[in-house]
Amino acid sequence: MDKTLYIFRHGETFASKGGVGYGDQVFTASILDEAIPAIERMAEYLKDKETDYNVSSAIERCKQTVGIISRITKKEFVFDKRLNELHMESFRQLRTRVESFLKDVEDKIKDIKDKIEDE
């Protein structure tokens, strides 16, 4: 079965705009007001795209971004800490974390489609 994934990062923050690290704000940095129009344009693009499952990192800037997306698209998102940014993580750890996440997403989509077929 073919799958289409829409993967996007959070809206622009002081760190992404300035090319600097987040420091102690890694989990709490907010998106910039000037980032909102770009997020709204992305939401307009996604509004008519059919999706089975929408998931986001649980970091504040990601929650803010999908909040805007949800307001426009009416799509609901769940939050998964496996998508959170981690520091000092090896590539092997990252790969294991992402593979686990993708396997769970695949299982959830299958469950959703099975429920629809049973109705």
C-alpha atoms as a PDB file:
ATOM      1  CA  MET A   1       0.000   0.000   0.000  1.00  0.00           C
ATOM      2  CA  ASP A   2       1.365   3.402  -0.969  1.00  0.00           C
ATOM      3  CA  LYS A   3       1.733   5.964   1.792  1.00  0.00           C
ATOM      4  CA  THR A   4       2.074   9.681   1.591  1.00  0.00           C
ATOM      5  CA  LEU A   5       3.722  11.420   4.503  1.00  0.00           C
ATOM      6  CA  TYR A   6       3.566  15.152   5.095  1.00  0.00           C
ATOM      7  CA  ILE A   7       6.531  16.001   7.273  1.00  0.00           C
ATOM      8  CA  PHE A   8       7.206  19.526   8.416  1.00  0.00           C
ATOM      9  CA  ARG A   9       9.097  21.244  11.170  1.00  0.00           C
ATOM     10  CA  HIS A  10       7.845  23.899  13.525  1.00  0.00           C
ATOM     11  CA  GLY A  11       7.478  27.552  12.619  1.00  0.00           C
ATOM     12  CA  GLU A  12      10.476  29.850  12.814  1.00  0.00           C
ATOM     13  CA  THR A  13      11.913  30.615  16.263  1.00  0.00           C
ATOM     14  CA  PHE A  14      14.634  32.929  17.525  1.00  0.00           C
ATOM     15  CA  ALA A  15      17.077  30.025  17.211  1.00  0.00           C
ATOM     16  CA  SER A  16      16.173  28.940  13.691  1.00  0.00           C
ATOM     17  CA  LYS A  17      16.102  32.549  12.507  1.00  0.00           C
ATOM     18  CA  GLY A  18      19.431  33.412  14.106  1.00  0.00           C
ATOM     19  CA  GLY A  19      21.174  30.119  13.394  1.00  0.00           C
ATOM     20  CA  VAL A  20      21.905  29.635  17.085  1.00  0.00           C
ATOM     21  CA  GLY A  21      21.180  26.907  19.600  1.00  0.00           C
ATOM     22  CA  TYR A  22      18.217  26.937  21.969  1.00  0.00           C
ATOM     23  CA  GLY A  23      20.262  26.609  25.124  1.00  0.00           C
ATOM     24  CA  ASP A  24      18.011  26.191  28.152  1.00  0.00           C
ATOM     25  CA  GLN A  25      14.943  27.029  26.012  1.00  0.00           C
ATOM     26  CA  VAL A  26      15.185  23.822  23.965  1.00  0.00           C
ATOM     27  CA  PHE A  27      11.744  22.649  25.149  1.00  0.00           C
ATOM     28  CA  THR A  28      10.081  26.030  25.727  1.00  0.00           C
ATOM     29  CA  ALA A  29      11.055  28.296  22.810  1.00  0.00           C
ATOM     30  CA  SER A  30       8.028  29.780  21.057  1.00  0.00           C
ATOM     31  CA  ILE A  31       7.471  30.403  17.394  1.00  0.00           C
ATOM     32  CA  LEU A  32       7.864  33.994  16.239  1.00  0.00           C
ATOM     33  CA  ASP A  33       4.778  36.036  15.325  1.00  0.00           C
ATOM     34  CA  GLU A  34       6.307  36.542  11.889  1.00  0.00           C
ATOM     35  CA  ALA A  35       6.244  32.747  11.366  1.00  0.00           C
ATOM     36  CA  ILE A  36       2.459  32.541  11.563  1.00  0.00           C
ATOM     37  CA  PRO A  37       1.657  33.535   7.935  1.00  0.00           C
ATOM     38  CA  ALA A  38       3.886  30.751   6.555  1.00  0.00           C
ATOM     39  CA  ILE A  39       2.254  28.208   8.868  1.00  0.00           C
ATOM     40  CA  GLU A  40      -1.193  29.424   7.785  1.00  0.00           C
ATOM     41  CA  ARG A  41      -0.218  28.982   4.116  1.00  0.00           C
ATOM     42  CA  MET A  42       0.964  25.449   4.862  1.00  0.00           C
ATOM     43  CA  ALA A  43      -2.338  24.743   6.621  1.00  0.00           C
ATOM     44  CA  GLU A  44      -4.275  25.960   3.594  1.00  0.00           C
ATOM     45  CA  TYR A  45      -2.247  23.535   1.461  1.00  0.00           C
ATOM     46  CA  LEU A  46      -2.919  20.656   3.877  1.00  0.00           C
ATOM     47  CA  LYS A  47      -6.592  21.487   4.411  1.00  0.00           C
ATOM     48  CA  ASP A  48      -7.847  19.375   1.510  1.00  0.00           C
ATOM     49  CA  LYS A  49      -5.274  16.588   1.873  1.00  0.00           C
ATOM     50  CA  GLU A  50      -6.776  13.411   3.256  1.00  0.00           C
ATOM     51  CA  THR A  51      -4.852  12.133   6.266  1.00  0.00           C
ATOM     52  CA  ASP A  52      -5.349   9.099   8.462  1.00  0.00           C
ATOM     53  CA  TYR A  53      -3.154  10.055  11.384  1.00  0.00           C
ATOM     54  CA  ASN A  54      -1.517  13.314  12.433  1.00  0.00           C
ATOM     55  CA  VAL A  55       1.265  13.375  14.973  1.00  0.00           C
ATOM     56  CA  SER A  56       3.649  15.969  16.358  1.00  0.00           C
ATOM     57  CA  SER A  57       6.536  16.398  18.715  1.00  0.00           C
ATOM     58  CA  ALA A  58       5.432  17.459  22.202  1.00  0.00           C
ATOM     59  CA  ILE A  59       7.850  20.418  22.281  1.00  0.00           C
ATOM     60  CA  GLU A  60       6.169  23.830  22.721  1.00  0.00           C
ATOM     61  CA  ARG A  61       7.064  25.288  19.291  1.00  0.00           C
ATOM     62  CA  CYS A  62       5.692  22.164  17.616  1.00  0.00           C
ATOM     63  CA  LYS A  63       2.477  22.330  19.639  1.00  0.00           C
ATOM     64  CA  GLN A  64       2.058  25.962  18.596  1.00  0.00           C
ATOM     65  CA  THR A  65       2.630  25.100  14.938  1.00  0.00           C
ATOM     66  CA  VAL A  66       0.106  22.257  14.836  1.00  0.00           C
ATOM     67  CA  GLY A  67      -2.339  24.392  16.821  1.00  0.00           C
ATOM     68  CA  ILE A  68      -2.414  26.809  13.891  1.00  0.00           C
ATOM     69  CA  ILE A  69      -2.588  23.932  11.404  1.00  0.00           C
ATOM     70  CA  SER A  70      -5.487  22.364  13.364  1.00  0.00           C
ATOM     71  CA  ARG A  71      -7.427  25.625  13.575  1.00  0.00           C
ATOM     72  CA  ILE A  72      -7.413  25.939   9.781  1.00  0.00           C
ATOM     73  CA  THR A  73      -7.584  22.297   8.682  1.00  0.00           C
ATOM     74  CA  LYS A  74      -9.752  20.925  11.528  1.00  0.00           C
ATOM     75  CA  LYS A  75      -7.265  18.026  11.684  1.00  0.00           C
ATOM     76  CA  GLU A  76      -6.485  16.665  15.126  1.00  0.00           C
ATOM     77  CA  PHE A  77      -2.921  15.878  16.154  1.00  0.00           C
ATOM     78  CA  VAL A  78      -1.568  13.592  18.840  1.00  0.00           C
ATOM     79  CA  PHE A  79       1.765  14.231  20.501  1.00  0.00           C
ATOM     80  CA  ASP A  80       4.562  11.684  20.665  1.00  0.00           C
ATOM     81  CA  LYS A  81       7.681  12.347  22.717  1.00  0.00           C
ATOM     82  CA  ARG A  82       9.706  10.118  20.395  1.00  0.00           C
ATOM     83  CA  LEU A  83       9.658  13.041  17.977  1.00  0.00           C
ATOM     84  CA  ASN A  84      11.096  15.423  20.559  1.00  0.00           C
ATOM     85  CA  GLU A  85      14.536  16.806  19.959  1.00  0.00           C
ATOM     86  CA  LEU A  86      17.180  14.939  21.938  1.00  0.00           C
ATOM     87  CA  HIS A  87      20.719  16.049  22.652  1.00  0.00           C
ATOM     88  CA  MET A  88      23.828  13.937  22.651  1.00  0.00           C
ATOM     89  CA  GLU A  89      21.983  11.123  20.890  1.00  0.00           C
ATOM     90  CA  SER A  90      23.925   8.769  18.646  1.00  0.00           C
ATOM     91  CA  PHE A  91      22.728   8.088  15.112  1.00  0.00           C
ATOM     92  CA  ARG A  92      21.927   4.518  16.139  1.00  0.00           C
ATOM     93  CA  GLN A  93      19.697   5.795  18.987  1.00  0.00           C
ATOM     94  CA  LEU A  94      17.961   8.238  16.649  1.00  0.00           C
ATOM     95  CA  ARG A  95      17.381   5.525  14.064  1.00  0.00           C
ATOM     96  CA  THR A  96      15.943   3.111  16.643  1.00  0.00           C
ATOM     97  CA  ARG A  97      13.638   5.820  18.017  1.00  0.00           C
ATOM     98  CA  VAL A  98      12.374   6.854  14.567  1.00  0.00           C
ATOM     99  CA  GLU A  99      11.926   3.260  13.358  1.00  0.00           C
ATOM    100  CA  SER A 100       9.871   2.483  16.483  1.00  0.00           C
ATOM    101  CA  PHE A 101       7.742   5.570  15.882  1.00  0.00           C
ATOM    102  CA  LEU A 102       7.150   4.757  12.183  1.00  0.00           C
ATOM    103  CA  LYS A 103       6.196   1.157  12.993  1.00  0.00           C
ATOM    104  CA  ASP A 104       3.623   2.391  15.512  1.00  0.00           C
ATOM    105  CA  VAL A 105       2.225   4.901  13.003  1.00  0.00           C
ATOM    106  CA  GLU A 106       1.881   2.163  10.397  1.00  0.00           C
ATOM    107  CA  ASP A 107       0.047  -0.030  12.924  1.00  0.00           C
ATOM    108  CA  LYS A 108      -2.282   2.823  13.934  1.00  0.00           C
ATOM    109  CA  ILE A 109      -3.162   3.606  10.317  1.00  0.00           C
ATOM    110  CA  LYS A 110      -3.909  -0.066   9.673  1.00  0.00           C
ATOM    111  CA  ASP A 111      -6.157  -0.166  12.768  1.00  0.00           C
ATOM    112  CA  ILE A 112      -8.018   2.966  11.619  1.00  0.00           C
ATOM    113  CA  LYS A 113      -8.585   1.548   8.127  1.00  0.00           C
ATOM    114  CA  ASP A 114      -9.712  -1.803   9.559  1.00  0.00           C
ATOM    115  CA  LYS A 115     -12.290  -0.028  11.761  1.00  0.00           C
ATOM    116  CA  ILE A 116     -13.617   1.927   8.783  1.00  0.00           C
ATOM    117  CA  GLU A 117     -13.967  -1.255   6.725  1.00  0.00           C
ATOM    118  CA  ASP A 118     -15.838  -2.965   9.597  1.00  0.00           C
ATOM    119  CA  GLU A 119     -18.439  -0.169   9.803  1.00  0.00           C
END
